[in-house]
């Protein structure tokens, strides 16, 4: 499908990629050349060279975070800043271990055209392109007979999403205190708390990207154990804010 000029000139793809991950870069580049959308690689933050001056760690997670998880959060923070300095209205932010489905272009174009005419109350700030799994979802809008936009749960992975400028601004504004990026948990878990950033995060179902199996650059070889009570408290602390946020934003209508 040939993308309209409006979509091509309003949209960019950013791919987060560690400079040393050459194989990943080559793999995803072949996928992106098919889309007709301009794309740009963003150098991921190296966990071994994190500059602690520009971020503050306040761990609210169920276990200690590893350096690579902190670096991943900072990489996503970096790409949002890059997007906001650009001329584009939409950014498709991808990690480098993905494969696009054959109808990626077609569904993305329909979703973006639809977003431009959405009533303000329904407009999403972030549209995840990966699957939220079996979690309960609420149908927001049909894109076509086979694809729909759902809310009520946020896909845990950060491997693919469309961000609006408003969404990127809200994320940056709510993640910064006194010019420091505040990191409380890994980026995928942080975005499962959209109320922290005042973001409407929805999902396209079924998914438009698939994961390619590469050796993880984030998870430690020996998994860190989480305390049962910390995990329980972590999950319970999501319940009330989630319900209030979805009521406020009109999801349960």
C-alpha atoms as a PDB file:
ATOM      1  CA  UNK A   1       0.000   0.000   0.000  1.00  0.00           C
ATOM      2  CA  UNK A   2       1.316   3.454  -0.910  1.00  0.00           C
ATOM      3  CA  UNK A   3       1.117   5.783   2.083  1.00  0.00           C
ATOM      4  CA  UNK A   4      -0.523   9.148   1.577  1.00  0.00           C
ATOM      5  CA  UNK A   5       1.753  12.191   1.515  1.00  0.00           C
ATOM      6  CA  UNK A   6       0.076  13.491   4.666  1.00  0.00           C
ATOM      7  CA  UNK A   7       1.060  10.378   6.601  1.00  0.00           C
ATOM      8  CA  UNK A   8       4.576  10.276   5.153  1.00  0.00           C
ATOM      9  CA  UNK A   9       5.307  13.918   5.944  1.00  0.00           C
ATOM     10  CA  UNK A  10       3.706  13.850   9.421  1.00  0.00           C
ATOM     11  CA  UNK A  11       5.220  10.580  10.629  1.00  0.00           C
ATOM     12  CA  UNK A  12       8.691   9.267  11.374  1.00  0.00           C
ATOM     13  CA  UNK A  13       9.972   5.933  12.635  1.00  0.00           C
ATOM     14  CA  UNK A  14      12.632   5.959  15.358  1.00  0.00           C
ATOM     15  CA  UNK A  15      14.515   2.757  16.139  1.00  0.00           C
ATOM     16  CA  UNK A  16      16.384   2.423  19.427  1.00  0.00           C
ATOM     17  CA  UNK A  17      19.594   0.513  18.761  1.00  0.00           C
ATOM     18  CA  UNK A  18      22.839   0.015  20.654  1.00  0.00           C
ATOM     19  CA  UNK A  19      25.758   0.987  18.436  1.00  0.00           C
ATOM     20  CA  UNK A  20      27.362  -2.418  18.938  1.00  0.00           C
ATOM     21  CA  UNK A  21      24.173  -4.306  17.924  1.00  0.00           C
ATOM     22  CA  UNK A  22      25.003  -4.383  14.209  1.00  0.00           C
ATOM     23  CA  UNK A  23      23.094  -7.589  13.445  1.00  0.00           C
ATOM     24  CA  UNK A  24      19.911  -6.186  14.960  1.00  0.00           C
ATOM     25  CA  UNK A  25      20.286  -2.946  13.019  1.00  0.00           C
ATOM     26  CA  UNK A  26      20.671  -4.747   9.683  1.00  0.00           C
ATOM     27  CA  UNK A  27      17.667  -6.963  10.421  1.00  0.00           C
ATOM     28  CA  UNK A  28      15.254  -4.178  11.312  1.00  0.00           C
ATOM     29  CA  UNK A  29      16.509  -1.907   8.520  1.00  0.00           C
ATOM     30  CA  UNK A  30      15.382  -4.456   5.943  1.00  0.00           C
ATOM     31  CA  UNK A  31      11.914  -4.373   7.502  1.00  0.00           C
ATOM     32  CA  UNK A  32      11.715  -0.576   7.526  1.00  0.00           C
ATOM     33  CA  UNK A  33      12.740  -0.082   3.907  1.00  0.00           C
ATOM     34  CA  UNK A  34       9.388  -1.633   2.953  1.00  0.00           C
ATOM     35  CA  UNK A  35       7.265   0.933   4.766  1.00  0.00           C
ATOM     36  CA  UNK A  36       7.794   4.157   2.805  1.00  0.00           C
ATOM     37  CA  UNK A  37       7.978   6.042   6.112  1.00  0.00           C
ATOM     38  CA  UNK A  38      11.192   7.968   6.896  1.00  0.00           C
ATOM     39  CA  UNK A  39      13.175   6.342   9.678  1.00  0.00           C
ATOM     40  CA  UNK A  40      16.092   7.204  11.906  1.00  0.00           C
ATOM     41  CA  UNK A  41      18.224   5.116  14.249  1.00  0.00           C
ATOM     42  CA  UNK A  42      18.666   6.488  17.766  1.00  0.00           C
ATOM     43  CA  UNK A  43      21.761   5.332  19.644  1.00  0.00           C
ATOM     44  CA  UNK A  44      20.623   3.600  22.807  1.00  0.00           C
ATOM     45  CA  UNK A  45      22.179   4.546  26.134  1.00  0.00           C
ATOM     46  CA  UNK A  46      24.979   2.142  27.025  1.00  0.00           C
ATOM     47  CA  UNK A  47      24.454   0.636  30.484  1.00  0.00           C
ATOM     48  CA  UNK A  48      28.212   0.769  31.105  1.00  0.00           C
ATOM     49  CA  UNK A  49      28.440   4.510  30.517  1.00  0.00           C
ATOM     50  CA  UNK A  50      25.327   5.904  32.214  1.00  0.00           C
ATOM     51  CA  UNK A  51      25.706   9.525  33.290  1.00  0.00           C
ATOM     52  CA  UNK A  52      24.064   9.691  36.736  1.00  0.00           C
ATOM     53  CA  UNK A  53      24.048  13.503  36.721  1.00  0.00           C
ATOM     54  CA  UNK A  54      20.951  13.709  34.522  1.00  0.00           C
ATOM     55  CA  UNK A  55      18.721  11.156  36.224  1.00  0.00           C
ATOM     56  CA  UNK A  56      17.503  10.277  39.687  1.00  0.00           C
ATOM     57  CA  UNK A  57      16.667   6.711  40.697  1.00  0.00           C
ATOM     58  CA  UNK A  58      13.732   6.294  43.096  1.00  0.00           C
ATOM     59  CA  UNK A  59      13.092   2.558  42.979  1.00  0.00           C
ATOM     60  CA  UNK A  60       9.394   1.726  43.282  1.00  0.00           C
ATOM     61  CA  UNK A  61       9.810  -1.661  41.662  1.00  0.00           C
ATOM     62  CA  UNK A  62       9.439  -5.093  43.258  1.00  0.00           C
ATOM     63  CA  UNK A  63      13.179  -5.788  43.055  1.00  0.00           C
ATOM     64  CA  UNK A  64      16.382  -3.832  42.442  1.00  0.00           C
ATOM     65  CA  UNK A  65      16.743  -2.636  38.859  1.00  0.00           C
ATOM     66  CA  UNK A  66      19.799  -3.578  36.845  1.00  0.00           C
ATOM     67  CA  UNK A  67      21.889  -0.988  34.995  1.00  0.00           C
ATOM     68  CA  UNK A  68      20.582  -2.129  31.619  1.00  0.00           C
ATOM     69  CA  UNK A  69      16.974  -1.458  32.691  1.00  0.00           C
ATOM     70  CA  UNK A  70      17.949   2.058  33.745  1.00  0.00           C
ATOM     71  CA  UNK A  71      19.736   2.553  30.421  1.00  0.00           C
ATOM     72  CA  UNK A  72      16.650   1.311  28.550  1.00  0.00           C
ATOM     73  CA  UNK A  73      14.440   3.861  30.348  1.00  0.00           C
ATOM     74  CA  UNK A  74      16.903   6.636  29.481  1.00  0.00           C
ATOM     75  CA  UNK A  75      16.990   5.491  25.850  1.00  0.00           C
ATOM     76  CA  UNK A  76      13.208   5.819  25.581  1.00  0.00           C
ATOM     77  CA  UNK A  77      13.423   9.203  27.307  1.00  0.00           C
ATOM     78  CA  UNK A  78      16.058  10.264  24.765  1.00  0.00           C
ATOM     79  CA  UNK A  79      13.949   9.262  21.769  1.00  0.00           C
ATOM     80  CA  UNK A  80      10.930  11.250  23.050  1.00  0.00           C
ATOM     81  CA  UNK A  81      13.143  14.346  23.315  1.00  0.00           C
ATOM     82  CA  UNK A  82      14.452  13.741  19.798  1.00  0.00           C
ATOM     83  CA  UNK A  83      10.884  13.464  18.501  1.00  0.00           C
ATOM     84  CA  UNK A  84       9.813  16.721  20.160  1.00  0.00           C
ATOM     85  CA  UNK A  85      12.677  18.558  18.472  1.00  0.00           C
ATOM     86  CA  UNK A  86      11.530  17.291  15.053  1.00  0.00           C
ATOM     87  CA  UNK A  87       8.846  18.587  12.678  1.00  0.00           C
ATOM     88  CA  UNK A  88       6.720  15.429  12.884  1.00  0.00           C
ATOM     89  CA  UNK A  89       3.289  14.980  14.495  1.00  0.00           C
ATOM     90  CA  UNK A  90       3.610  11.218  15.037  1.00  0.00           C
ATOM     91  CA  UNK A  91       6.562   8.984  15.911  1.00  0.00           C
ATOM     92  CA  UNK A  92       6.526   5.221  15.565  1.00  0.00           C
ATOM     93  CA  UNK A  93       9.053   4.174  18.201  1.00  0.00           C
ATOM     94  CA  UNK A  94      10.496   0.713  17.730  1.00  0.00           C
ATOM     95  CA  UNK A  95      13.061  -1.420  19.470  1.00  0.00           C
ATOM     96  CA  UNK A  96      15.436  -3.269  17.174  1.00  0.00           C
ATOM     97  CA  UNK A  97      14.348  -6.878  17.764  1.00  0.00           C
ATOM     98  CA  UNK A  98      11.103  -6.808  15.780  1.00  0.00           C
ATOM     99  CA  UNK A  99       9.570  -7.938  12.511  1.00  0.00           C
ATOM    100  CA  UNK A 100       6.653  -6.081  10.910  1.00  0.00           C
ATOM    101  CA  UNK A 101       3.529  -7.926   9.818  1.00  0.00           C
ATOM    102  CA  UNK A 102       2.706  -7.799   6.102  1.00  0.00           C
ATOM    103  CA  UNK A 103      -0.165  -5.319   6.544  1.00  0.00           C
ATOM    104  CA  UNK A 104       1.764  -2.984   8.885  1.00  0.00           C
ATOM    105  CA  UNK A 105       1.624  -0.001   6.489  1.00  0.00           C
ATOM    106  CA  UNK A 106      -2.063  -0.419   5.720  1.00  0.00           C
ATOM    107  CA  UNK A 107      -3.228  -0.610   9.345  1.00  0.00           C
ATOM    108  CA  UNK A 108      -0.890   2.142  10.562  1.00  0.00           C
ATOM    109  CA  UNK A 109      -2.195   4.459   7.846  1.00  0.00           C
ATOM    110  CA  UNK A 110      -5.815   3.717   8.760  1.00  0.00           C
ATOM    111  CA  UNK A 111      -5.099   4.202  12.477  1.00  0.00           C
ATOM    112  CA  UNK A 112      -3.398   7.568  11.892  1.00  0.00           C
ATOM    113  CA  UNK A 113      -6.099   8.829   9.519  1.00  0.00           C
ATOM    114  CA  UNK A 114      -8.709   7.789  12.066  1.00  0.00           C
ATOM    115  CA  UNK A 115      -6.844   9.504  14.899  1.00  0.00           C
ATOM    116  CA  UNK A 116      -6.904  12.818  13.054  1.00  0.00           C
ATOM    117  CA  UNK A 117     -10.717  12.767  13.078  1.00  0.00           C
ATOM    118  CA  UNK A 118     -11.243  11.215  16.550  1.00  0.00           C
ATOM    119  CA  UNK A 119     -13.374  13.132  19.050  1.00  0.00           C
ATOM    120  CA  UNK A 120     -11.005  14.692  21.594  1.00  0.00           C
ATOM    121  CA  UNK A 121     -12.227  12.426  24.401  1.00  0.00           C
ATOM    122  CA  UNK A 122     -11.285   9.309  22.418  1.00  0.00           C
ATOM    123  CA  UNK A 123      -7.908  10.452  21.095  1.00  0.00           C
ATOM    124  CA  UNK A 124      -5.078   8.232  22.210  1.00  0.00           C
ATOM    125  CA  UNK A 125      -1.659   9.608  23.145  1.00  0.00           C
ATOM    126  CA  UNK A 126       0.138   6.310  22.633  1.00  0.00           C
ATOM    127  CA  UNK A 127      -0.980   3.390  20.492  1.00  0.00           C
ATOM    128  CA  UNK A 128       0.837   0.144  21.215  1.00  0.00           C
ATOM    129  CA  UNK A 129       1.418  -2.083  18.196  1.00  0.00           C
ATOM    130  CA  UNK A 130       2.284  -5.203  20.177  1.00  0.00           C
ATOM    131  CA  UNK A 131      -0.102  -7.597  21.879  1.00  0.00           C
ATOM    132  CA  UNK A 132      -1.403  -7.081  25.441  1.00  0.00           C
ATOM    133  CA  UNK A 133      -1.860 -10.850  25.718  1.00  0.00           C
ATOM    134  CA  UNK A 134      -4.984 -12.263  27.347  1.00  0.00           C
ATOM    135  CA  UNK A 135      -5.702  -9.340  29.645  1.00  0.00           C
ATOM    136  CA  UNK A 136      -9.229  -7.938  29.654  1.00  0.00           C
ATOM    137  CA  UNK A 137      -9.725  -5.196  27.095  1.00  0.00           C
ATOM    138  CA  UNK A 138     -12.421  -2.687  26.181  1.00  0.00           C
ATOM    139  CA  UNK A 139     -13.078  -1.973  22.538  1.00  0.00           C
ATOM    140  CA  UNK A 140     -12.613   1.707  21.694  1.00  0.00           C
ATOM    141  CA  UNK A 141     -12.843   1.823  17.913  1.00  0.00           C
ATOM    142  CA  UNK A 142     -12.771  -0.496  14.917  1.00  0.00           C
ATOM    143  CA  UNK A 143     -10.042   0.257  12.376  1.00  0.00           C
ATOM    144  CA  UNK A 144     -11.327  -2.260   9.848  1.00  0.00           C
ATOM    145  CA  UNK A 145     -13.140  -5.633  10.064  1.00  0.00           C
ATOM    146  CA  UNK A 146      -9.968  -7.358  11.280  1.00  0.00           C
ATOM    147  CA  UNK A 147      -8.283  -4.747  13.494  1.00  0.00           C
ATOM    148  CA  UNK A 148      -9.530  -2.662  16.385  1.00  0.00           C
ATOM    149  CA  UNK A 149      -8.249  -0.299  19.056  1.00  0.00           C
ATOM    150  CA  UNK A 150      -8.667  -1.490  22.635  1.00  0.00           C
ATOM    151  CA  UNK A 151      -8.095   0.054  26.057  1.00  0.00           C
ATOM    152  CA  UNK A 152      -8.200  -1.174  29.637  1.00  0.00           C
ATOM    153  CA  UNK A 153      -4.815  -2.857  29.639  1.00  0.00           C
ATOM    154  CA  UNK A 154      -1.415  -1.824  28.348  1.00  0.00           C
ATOM    155  CA  UNK A 155       0.858  -4.225  26.473  1.00  0.00           C
ATOM    156  CA  UNK A 156       3.851  -4.837  28.737  1.00  0.00           C
ATOM    157  CA  UNK A 157       6.441  -4.663  25.977  1.00  0.00           C
ATOM    158  CA  UNK A 158       7.857  -1.389  24.641  1.00  0.00           C
ATOM    159  CA  UNK A 159       8.994  -2.861  21.349  1.00  0.00           C
ATOM    160  CA  UNK A 160       6.559  -0.875  19.169  1.00  0.00           C
ATOM    161  CA  UNK A 161       4.165   2.053  19.628  1.00  0.00           C
ATOM    162  CA  UNK A 162       2.925   5.180  17.879  1.00  0.00           C
ATOM    163  CA  UNK A 163       3.403   8.331  19.966  1.00  0.00           C
ATOM    164  CA  UNK A 164       1.724  11.681  19.395  1.00  0.00           C
ATOM    165  CA  UNK A 165       3.511  14.925  20.213  1.00  0.00           C
ATOM    166  CA  UNK A 166       1.098  15.428  23.098  1.00  0.00           C
ATOM    167  CA  UNK A 167       1.966  11.980  24.437  1.00  0.00           C
ATOM    168  CA  UNK A 168       5.708  12.627  24.253  1.00  0.00           C
ATOM    169  CA  UNK A 169       5.274  15.999  25.962  1.00  0.00           C
ATOM    170  CA  UNK A 170       3.222  14.471  28.786  1.00  0.00           C
ATOM    171  CA  UNK A 171       5.778  11.711  29.281  1.00  0.00           C
ATOM    172  CA  UNK A 172       8.712  14.144  29.444  1.00  0.00           C
ATOM    173  CA  UNK A 173       6.868  16.656  31.645  1.00  0.00           C
ATOM    174  CA  UNK A 174       5.834  13.997  34.164  1.00  0.00           C
ATOM    175  CA  UNK A 175       9.154  12.154  34.159  1.00  0.00           C
ATOM    176  CA  UNK A 176      11.293  15.195  34.960  1.00  0.00           C
ATOM    177  CA  UNK A 177      11.788  16.951  38.293  1.00  0.00           C
ATOM    178  CA  UNK A 178      14.321  19.759  38.605  1.00  0.00           C
ATOM    179  CA  UNK A 179      15.766  18.844  35.175  1.00  0.00           C
ATOM    180  CA  UNK A 180      16.412  15.252  36.292  1.00  0.00           C
ATOM    181  CA  UNK A 181      14.771  12.235  34.674  1.00  0.00           C
ATOM    182  CA  UNK A 182      13.061  10.306  37.495  1.00  0.00           C
ATOM    183  CA  UNK A 183      13.271   6.520  37.130  1.00  0.00           C
ATOM    184  CA  UNK A 184      11.082   4.441  39.452  1.00  0.00           C
ATOM    185  CA  UNK A 185      10.881   1.190  37.504  1.00  0.00           C
ATOM    186  CA  UNK A 186      11.716  -0.295  34.057  1.00  0.00           C
ATOM    187  CA  UNK A 187      10.112   1.596  31.161  1.00  0.00           C
ATOM    188  CA  UNK A 188       7.681  -1.202  30.246  1.00  0.00           C
ATOM    189  CA  UNK A 189       6.333  -1.311  33.819  1.00  0.00           C
ATOM    190  CA  UNK A 190       6.279   2.496  34.108  1.00  0.00           C
ATOM    191  CA  UNK A 191       3.997   2.756  31.071  1.00  0.00           C
ATOM    192  CA  UNK A 192       1.639   0.226  32.652  1.00  0.00           C
ATOM    193  CA  UNK A 193       0.834   3.129  34.958  1.00  0.00           C
ATOM    194  CA  UNK A 194      -0.509   5.625  32.394  1.00  0.00           C
ATOM    195  CA  UNK A 195      -1.982   7.756  35.196  1.00  0.00           C
ATOM    196  CA  UNK A 196       1.571   8.624  36.300  1.00  0.00           C
ATOM    197  CA  UNK A 197       2.054  10.439  32.991  1.00  0.00           C
ATOM    198  CA  UNK A 198      -1.601  11.332  32.307  1.00  0.00           C
ATOM    199  CA  UNK A 199      -1.411   9.291  29.100  1.00  0.00           C
ATOM    200  CA  UNK A 200      -4.150   7.541  27.174  1.00  0.00           C
ATOM    201  CA  UNK A 201      -2.405   4.353  26.060  1.00  0.00           C
ATOM    202  CA  UNK A 202      -4.376   1.985  23.834  1.00  0.00           C
ATOM    203  CA  UNK A 203      -3.508  -1.150  21.842  1.00  0.00           C
ATOM    204  CA  UNK A 204      -4.046  -2.334  18.282  1.00  0.00           C
ATOM    205  CA  UNK A 205      -5.403  -5.887  18.286  1.00  0.00           C
ATOM    206  CA  UNK A 206      -4.194  -8.123  16.740  1.00  0.00           C
ATOM    207  CA  UNK A 207      -0.549  -7.018  16.848  1.00  0.00           C
ATOM    208  CA  UNK A 208       1.383  -5.397  13.980  1.00  0.00           C
ATOM    209  CA  UNK A 209       4.867  -6.421  15.094  1.00  0.00           C
ATOM    210  CA  UNK A 210       6.454  -9.687  16.125  1.00  0.00           C
ATOM    211  CA  UNK A 211       9.507 -10.215  18.283  1.00  0.00           C
ATOM    212  CA  UNK A 212      12.663 -11.718  16.793  1.00  0.00           C
ATOM    213  CA  UNK A 213      14.673 -13.814  19.215  1.00  0.00           C
ATOM    214  CA  UNK A 214      18.027 -12.220  19.927  1.00  0.00           C
ATOM    215  CA  UNK A 215      20.102 -12.547  23.081  1.00  0.00           C
ATOM    216  CA  UNK A 216      18.664 -10.099  25.630  1.00  0.00           C
ATOM    217  CA  UNK A 217      20.629  -6.898  26.147  1.00  0.00           C
ATOM    218  CA  UNK A 218      18.689  -5.994  29.287  1.00  0.00           C
ATOM    219  CA  UNK A 219      17.781  -8.959  31.478  1.00  0.00           C
ATOM    220  CA  UNK A 220      20.482 -10.376  33.755  1.00  0.00           C
ATOM    221  CA  UNK A 221      21.532 -13.973  33.135  1.00  0.00           C
ATOM    222  CA  UNK A 222      20.589 -14.860  36.708  1.00  0.00           C
ATOM    223  CA  UNK A 223      17.119 -13.460  37.348  1.00  0.00           C
ATOM    224  CA  UNK A 224      16.888 -11.279  40.412  1.00  0.00           C
ATOM    225  CA  UNK A 225      14.313 -12.609  42.880  1.00  0.00           C
ATOM    226  CA  UNK A 226      11.514 -10.371  44.071  1.00  0.00           C
ATOM    227  CA  UNK A 227      10.112 -10.517  47.587  1.00  0.00           C
ATOM    228  CA  UNK A 228       6.530 -11.909  47.614  1.00  0.00           C
ATOM    229  CA  UNK A 229       5.172  -9.063  49.759  1.00  0.00           C
ATOM    230  CA  UNK A 230       6.886  -6.434  47.618  1.00  0.00           C
ATOM    231  CA  UNK A 231       5.345  -8.013  44.522  1.00  0.00           C
ATOM    232  CA  UNK A 232       1.898  -8.099  46.160  1.00  0.00           C
ATOM    233  CA  UNK A 233       2.188  -4.476  47.277  1.00  0.00           C
ATOM    234  CA  UNK A 234       3.408  -3.517  43.798  1.00  0.00           C
ATOM    235  CA  UNK A 235       0.298  -5.063  42.196  1.00  0.00           C
ATOM    236  CA  UNK A 236      -2.168  -3.739  44.783  1.00  0.00           C
ATOM    237  CA  UNK A 237      -0.850  -0.210  44.391  1.00  0.00           C
ATOM    238  CA  UNK A 238      -2.017  -0.252  40.758  1.00  0.00           C
ATOM    239  CA  UNK A 239      -5.638  -1.184  41.392  1.00  0.00           C
ATOM    240  CA  UNK A 240      -7.245   2.033  42.671  1.00  0.00           C
ATOM    241  CA  UNK A 241      -5.275   4.524  40.541  1.00  0.00           C
ATOM    242  CA  UNK A 242      -6.021   2.445  37.447  1.00  0.00           C
ATOM    243  CA  UNK A 243      -9.768   2.328  38.133  1.00  0.00           C
ATOM    244  CA  UNK A 244      -9.935   6.061  38.888  1.00  0.00           C
ATOM    245  CA  UNK A 245      -7.901   6.978  35.793  1.00  0.00           C
ATOM    246  CA  UNK A 246     -10.031   4.894  33.440  1.00  0.00           C
ATOM    247  CA  UNK A 247     -13.222   6.305  34.940  1.00  0.00           C
ATOM    248  CA  UNK A 248     -11.883   9.839  34.566  1.00  0.00           C
ATOM    249  CA  UNK A 249     -10.816   9.312  30.957  1.00  0.00           C
ATOM    250  CA  UNK A 250     -14.166   7.744  29.999  1.00  0.00           C
ATOM    251  CA  UNK A 251     -12.959   4.223  29.213  1.00  0.00           C
ATOM    252  CA  UNK A 252     -15.725   2.648  31.308  1.00  0.00           C
ATOM    253  CA  UNK A 253     -18.557   4.348  29.471  1.00  0.00           C
END
